[in-house]
């Protein structure tokens, strides 16, 4: 798993790639928490490069989502691959997180005027 981070005005876009599973879920959570602390309004997670996420990875997402909610920040997920969309649907996480088909749609909604859309 690799992560990249980009500031978009008051929001932060994090791009993930690879697999998110028990072996790296804690590091994933810690990295997302650090990115969340840099965001003023929203954290957008681009999962277009992720080909698998385990229940440990989903737990990490939920922890960061709850922390963001407590701070009044939006945590959104964008660009899921078909397998990840199926995992999110089966686990019903698609009903928990704000989800966007594309990163561009998430940026337009959560970081308008950031010049990154």
Protein backbone atom coordinates (compact mmCIF):
# COMPACT_ATOMS: atom_id res chain seq x y z
CA UNK A 1 0.00 0.00 0.00
CA UNK A 2 1.23 3.45 -0.89
CA UNK A 3 -0.36 6.81 -0.13
CA UNK A 4 -0.02 10.26 -1.65
CA UNK A 5 -1.41 13.50 -0.28
CA UNK A 6 -2.45 16.73 -1.96
CA UNK A 7 -3.88 19.86 -0.35
CA UNK A 8 -6.92 21.27 -2.16
CA UNK A 9 -7.76 24.54 -0.47
CA UNK A 10 -9.35 23.61 2.85
CA UNK A 11 -9.58 19.92 1.88
CA UNK A 12 -6.97 17.19 1.57
CA UNK A 13 -6.98 14.51 -1.14
CA UNK A 14 -5.30 11.22 -0.28
CA UNK A 15 -4.64 8.70 -3.03
CA UNK A 16 -4.12 5.08 -2.03
CA UNK A 17 -2.87 2.17 -4.11
CA UNK A 18 -2.23 -1.51 -3.56
CA UNK A 19 -3.88 -3.73 -0.96
CA UNK A 20 -5.17 -2.61 2.42
CA UNK A 21 -5.26 -5.54 4.82
CA UNK A 22 -4.29 -6.63 8.33
CA UNK A 23 -0.59 -6.21 7.58
CA UNK A 24 -0.90 -2.46 6.93
CA UNK A 25 -4.29 -1.36 8.31
CA UNK A 26 -2.79 0.39 11.34
CA UNK A 27 -0.30 2.33 9.22
CA UNK A 28 -3.17 3.20 6.85
CA UNK A 29 -5.27 4.50 9.76
CA UNK A 30 -2.37 6.52 11.15
CA UNK A 31 -1.62 8.09 7.75
CA UNK A 32 -5.28 8.98 7.18
CA UNK A 33 -5.53 10.45 10.69
CA UNK A 34 -2.49 12.64 9.97
CA UNK A 35 -4.07 13.80 6.70
CA UNK A 36 -7.37 14.47 8.47
CA UNK A 37 -5.59 16.72 10.95
CA UNK A 38 -4.27 18.83 8.04
CA UNK A 39 -7.72 19.21 6.47
CA UNK A 40 -9.91 22.12 7.56
CA UNK A 41 -13.15 20.93 5.98
CA UNK A 42 -12.82 17.57 4.24
CA UNK A 43 -10.67 14.53 3.58
CA UNK A 44 -11.21 12.87 0.21
CA UNK A 45 -9.85 9.35 -0.18
CA UNK A 46 -9.17 8.25 -3.76
CA UNK A 47 -9.32 4.44 -3.80
CA UNK A 48 -9.00 4.04 -7.58
CA UNK A 49 -5.61 2.37 -7.14
CA UNK A 50 -6.71 -0.04 -4.39
CA UNK A 51 -7.52 -3.56 -5.56
CA UNK A 52 -8.50 -5.06 -2.18
CA UNK A 53 -9.51 -3.93 1.30
CA UNK A 54 -10.03 -6.29 4.23
CA UNK A 55 -12.25 -5.87 7.27
CA UNK A 56 -9.21 -4.45 9.09
CA UNK A 57 -8.96 -1.77 6.40
CA UNK A 58 -12.67 -1.03 6.67
CA UNK A 59 -12.25 -0.67 10.44
CA UNK A 60 -9.47 1.87 9.85
CA UNK A 61 -11.77 3.86 7.57
CA UNK A 62 -14.51 3.85 10.20
CA UNK A 63 -12.14 5.09 12.91
CA UNK A 64 -11.00 8.02 10.77
CA UNK A 65 -14.57 8.72 9.63
CA UNK A 66 -15.75 8.97 13.25
CA UNK A 67 -12.82 11.20 14.19
CA UNK A 68 -13.62 13.51 11.27
CA UNK A 69 -17.27 13.64 12.21
CA UNK A 70 -16.34 14.60 15.78
CA UNK A 71 -14.24 17.47 14.36
CA UNK A 72 -16.96 18.59 11.95
CA UNK A 73 -15.03 17.44 8.88
CA UNK A 74 -16.35 15.45 5.95
CA UNK A 75 -14.63 12.18 5.05
CA UNK A 76 -15.53 11.01 1.56
CA UNK A 77 -14.47 8.11 -0.61
CA UNK A 78 -14.06 8.32 -4.38
CA UNK A 79 -13.38 6.16 -7.42
CA UNK A 80 -13.87 2.63 -6.09
CA UNK A 81 -12.84 -0.26 -8.32
CA UNK A 82 -15.65 -2.82 -8.93
CA UNK A 83 -14.36 -5.29 -6.31
CA UNK A 84 -14.09 -2.57 -3.67
CA UNK A 85 -17.56 -1.31 -4.54
CA UNK A 86 -18.84 -4.84 -4.00
CA UNK A 87 -17.05 -5.06 -0.62
CA UNK A 88 -18.48 -1.69 0.44
CA UNK A 89 -21.96 -2.73 -0.69
CA UNK A 90 -21.90 -6.11 1.06
CA UNK A 91 -20.62 -4.51 4.28
CA UNK A 92 -23.10 -1.64 3.79
CA UNK A 93 -20.28 0.89 4.16
CA UNK A 94 -21.66 2.48 0.99
CA UNK A 95 -24.48 3.74 3.21
CA UNK A 96 -22.10 5.16 5.84
CA UNK A 97 -19.60 7.18 3.82
CA UNK A 98 -20.23 9.96 1.33
CA UNK A 99 -19.18 8.22 -1.89
CA UNK A 100 -18.37 9.60 -5.32
CA UNK A 101 -17.89 7.82 -8.64
CA UNK A 102 -14.89 10.01 -9.49
CA UNK A 103 -12.30 12.06 -7.67
CA UNK A 104 -13.34 15.03 -9.78
CA UNK A 105 -16.94 14.81 -8.51
CA UNK A 106 -15.73 14.63 -4.90
CA UNK A 107 -13.41 17.60 -5.37
CA UNK A 108 -16.13 19.69 -7.06
CA UNK A 109 -18.48 19.01 -4.15
CA UNK A 110 -16.08 19.17 -1.18
CA UNK A 111 -13.27 21.45 -2.35
CA UNK A 112 -14.90 23.90 -4.78
CA UNK A 113 -12.57 26.50 -6.16
CA UNK A 114 -9.46 24.51 -5.31
CA UNK A 115 -8.32 24.54 -8.96
CA UNK A 116 -7.79 20.77 -8.80
CA UNK A 117 -11.07 19.68 -10.33
